[in-house]
Amino acid sequence: MQREFDPCVYLLASSRNGTVYTGVTSNLLQRIVQHREGTFDGFTRKHNVKMLVWFEQHSTMEHAIVREKRLKKWNRAWKLRLIEESNPSWRDLA
């Protein structure tokens, strides 16, 4: 289960097979609230990307950042496959 201050890499989506966003945070629950409330201008607010569809915990923020950078280089099909492997119904994990 997600502890409050675990470094995480996460994927948000606007809907099933919709727009996908890759992010990293040390507090996943707080960050999801920020995305949903549109606290910051940016990609997720502009494209209405609010549904948590995948996340991965890491032991350190450095490891999480490395993983996030790798995922951001992935093509869309690979990201969709990653989501489908653990969340085939695209349910909102938050």
C-alpha atoms as a PDB file:
ATOM      1  CA  MET A   1       0.000   0.000   0.000  1.00  0.00           C
ATOM      2  CA  GLN A   2       1.132   3.530  -0.786  1.00  0.00           C
ATOM      3  CA  ARG A   3       2.747   5.277   2.169  1.00  0.00           C
ATOM      4  CA  GLU A   4       2.379   9.035   2.336  1.00  0.00           C
ATOM      5  CA  PHE A   5       5.935   9.995   1.315  1.00  0.00           C
ATOM      6  CA  ASP A   6       7.143   7.307  -1.071  1.00  0.00           C
ATOM      7  CA  PRO A   7       8.853   8.336  -4.283  1.00  0.00           C
ATOM      8  CA  CYS A   8       6.591   7.250  -7.136  1.00  0.00           C
ATOM      9  CA  VAL A   9       6.437   7.396 -10.891  1.00  0.00           C
ATOM     10  CA  TYR A  10       2.875   7.565 -12.160  1.00  0.00           C
ATOM     11  CA  LEU A  11       0.767   7.678 -15.303  1.00  0.00           C
ATOM     12  CA  LEU A  12      -2.423   9.705 -15.550  1.00  0.00           C
ATOM     13  CA  ALA A  13      -4.932   9.459 -18.374  1.00  0.00           C
ATOM     14  CA  SER A  14      -7.840  11.551 -19.583  1.00  0.00           C
ATOM     15  CA  SER A  15      -9.817   8.361 -20.327  1.00  0.00           C
ATOM     16  CA  ARG A  16      -9.220   4.821 -21.564  1.00  0.00           C
ATOM     17  CA  ASN A  17      -6.687   5.083 -24.419  1.00  0.00           C
ATOM     18  CA  GLY A  18      -6.835   8.872 -24.015  1.00  0.00           C
ATOM     19  CA  THR A  19      -4.107  11.407 -23.373  1.00  0.00           C
ATOM     20  CA  VAL A  20      -1.392  10.021 -21.070  1.00  0.00           C
ATOM     21  CA  TYR A  21       0.868  11.994 -18.710  1.00  0.00           C
ATOM     22  CA  THR A  22       4.004  10.713 -16.948  1.00  0.00           C
ATOM     23  CA  GLY A  23       5.020  12.232 -13.622  1.00  0.00           C
ATOM     24  CA  VAL A  24       7.132  11.716 -10.506  1.00  0.00           C
ATOM     25  CA  THR A  25       6.415  12.734  -6.910  1.00  0.00           C
ATOM     26  CA  SER A  26       7.304  12.004  -3.300  1.00  0.00           C
ATOM     27  CA  ASN A  27       3.639  12.242  -2.227  1.00  0.00           C
ATOM     28  CA  LEU A  28       1.336  10.559  -4.728  1.00  0.00           C
ATOM     29  CA  LEU A  29      -1.984  11.239  -3.005  1.00  0.00           C
ATOM     30  CA  GLN A  30      -1.246  14.948  -2.609  1.00  0.00           C
ATOM     31  CA  ARG A  31      -0.055  15.202  -6.209  1.00  0.00           C
ATOM     32  CA  ILE A  32      -3.215  13.535  -7.541  1.00  0.00           C
ATOM     33  CA  VAL A  33      -5.344  16.051  -5.626  1.00  0.00           C
ATOM     34  CA  GLN A  34      -3.315  18.875  -7.198  1.00  0.00           C
ATOM     35  CA  HIS A  35      -3.889  17.444 -10.686  1.00  0.00           C
ATOM     36  CA  ARG A  36      -7.624  17.031 -10.080  1.00  0.00           C
ATOM     37  CA  GLU A  37      -8.062  20.517  -8.666  1.00  0.00           C
ATOM     38  CA  GLY A  38      -6.039  22.058 -11.509  1.00  0.00           C
ATOM     39  CA  THR A  39      -3.719  23.708  -8.975  1.00  0.00           C
ATOM     40  CA  PHE A  40      -1.039  24.346 -11.598  1.00  0.00           C
ATOM     41  CA  ASP A  41      -1.271  25.488 -15.198  1.00  0.00           C
ATOM     42  CA  GLY A  42       0.187  22.924 -17.533  1.00  0.00           C
ATOM     43  CA  PHE A  43      -0.345  19.817 -19.589  1.00  0.00           C
ATOM     44  CA  THR A  44      -2.687  17.913 -17.272  1.00  0.00           C
ATOM     45  CA  ARG A  45      -4.936  20.907 -16.678  1.00  0.00           C
ATOM     46  CA  LYS A  46      -5.031  21.838 -20.366  1.00  0.00           C
ATOM     47  CA  HIS A  47      -5.828  18.266 -21.479  1.00  0.00           C
ATOM     48  CA  ASN A  48      -8.054  17.298 -18.505  1.00  0.00           C
ATOM     49  CA  VAL A  49      -5.769  14.417 -17.482  1.00  0.00           C
ATOM     50  CA  LYS A  50      -6.841  13.392 -13.967  1.00  0.00           C
ATOM     51  CA  MET A  51      -7.240   9.608 -13.763  1.00  0.00           C
ATOM     52  CA  LEU A  52      -4.438   7.642 -12.051  1.00  0.00           C
ATOM     53  CA  VAL A  53      -4.027   4.490 -14.148  1.00  0.00           C
ATOM     54  CA  TRP A  54      -0.555   3.238 -13.126  1.00  0.00           C
ATOM     55  CA  PHE A  55       2.094   3.923 -10.513  1.00  0.00           C
ATOM     56  CA  GLU A  56       5.332   2.408  -9.313  1.00  0.00           C
ATOM     57  CA  GLN A  57       6.994   2.995  -5.948  1.00  0.00           C
ATOM     58  CA  HIS A  58      10.761   3.460  -5.599  1.00  0.00           C
ATOM     59  CA  SER A  59      13.198   3.338  -2.710  1.00  0.00           C
ATOM     60  CA  THR A  60      14.677   6.767  -3.477  1.00  0.00           C
ATOM     61  CA  MET A  61      13.628   9.866  -5.371  1.00  0.00           C
ATOM     62  CA  GLU A  62      16.725   9.497  -7.546  1.00  0.00           C
ATOM     63  CA  HIS A  63      15.550   6.052  -8.706  1.00  0.00           C
ATOM     64  CA  ALA A  64      12.055   7.407  -9.374  1.00  0.00           C
ATOM     65  CA  ILE A  65      13.416  10.292 -11.449  1.00  0.00           C
ATOM     66  CA  VAL A  66      15.568   7.949 -13.544  1.00  0.00           C
ATOM     67  CA  ARG A  67      12.537   5.716 -14.209  1.00  0.00           C
ATOM     68  CA  GLU A  68      10.351   8.732 -15.080  1.00  0.00           C
ATOM     69  CA  LYS A  69      12.913   9.971 -17.608  1.00  0.00           C
ATOM     70  CA  ARG A  70      13.031   6.515 -19.210  1.00  0.00           C
ATOM     71  CA  LEU A  71       9.235   6.272 -19.414  1.00  0.00           C
ATOM     72  CA  LYS A  72       8.984   9.735 -20.970  1.00  0.00           C
ATOM     73  CA  LYS A  73      11.148   8.451 -23.845  1.00  0.00           C
ATOM     74  CA  TRP A  74       8.851   5.465 -24.429  1.00  0.00           C
ATOM     75  CA  ASN A  75       6.435   5.560 -27.322  1.00  0.00           C
ATOM     76  CA  ARG A  76       2.715   5.684 -26.668  1.00  0.00           C
ATOM     77  CA  ALA A  77       2.106   1.998 -27.457  1.00  0.00           C
ATOM     78  CA  TRP A  78       4.612   0.907 -24.798  1.00  0.00           C
ATOM     79  CA  LYS A  79       2.960   3.137 -22.164  1.00  0.00           C
ATOM     80  CA  LEU A  80      -0.488   1.792 -23.048  1.00  0.00           C
ATOM     81  CA  ARG A  81       0.816  -1.774 -22.766  1.00  0.00           C
ATOM     82  CA  LEU A  82       2.331  -0.961 -19.337  1.00  0.00           C
ATOM     83  CA  ILE A  83      -1.063   0.302 -18.140  1.00  0.00           C
ATOM     84  CA  GLU A  84      -2.939  -2.675 -19.614  1.00  0.00           C
ATOM     85  CA  GLU A  85      -0.611  -5.198 -17.913  1.00  0.00           C
ATOM     86  CA  SER A  86      -1.557  -4.122 -14.396  1.00  0.00           C
ATOM     87  CA  ASN A  87      -4.820  -2.243 -14.954  1.00  0.00           C
ATOM     88  CA  PRO A  88      -6.655  -3.763 -17.949  1.00  0.00           C
ATOM     89  CA  SER A  89      -9.936  -2.062 -17.093  1.00  0.00           C
ATOM     90  CA  TRP A  90      -8.237   1.340 -16.772  1.00  0.00           C
ATOM     91  CA  ARG A  91      -9.842   1.864 -13.393  1.00  0.00           C
ATOM     92  CA  ASP A  92      -8.884   4.997 -11.463  1.00  0.00           C
ATOM     93  CA  LEU A  93      -6.396   3.783  -8.853  1.00  0.00           C
ATOM     94  CA  ALA A  94      -6.754   6.877  -6.673  1.00  0.00           C
END
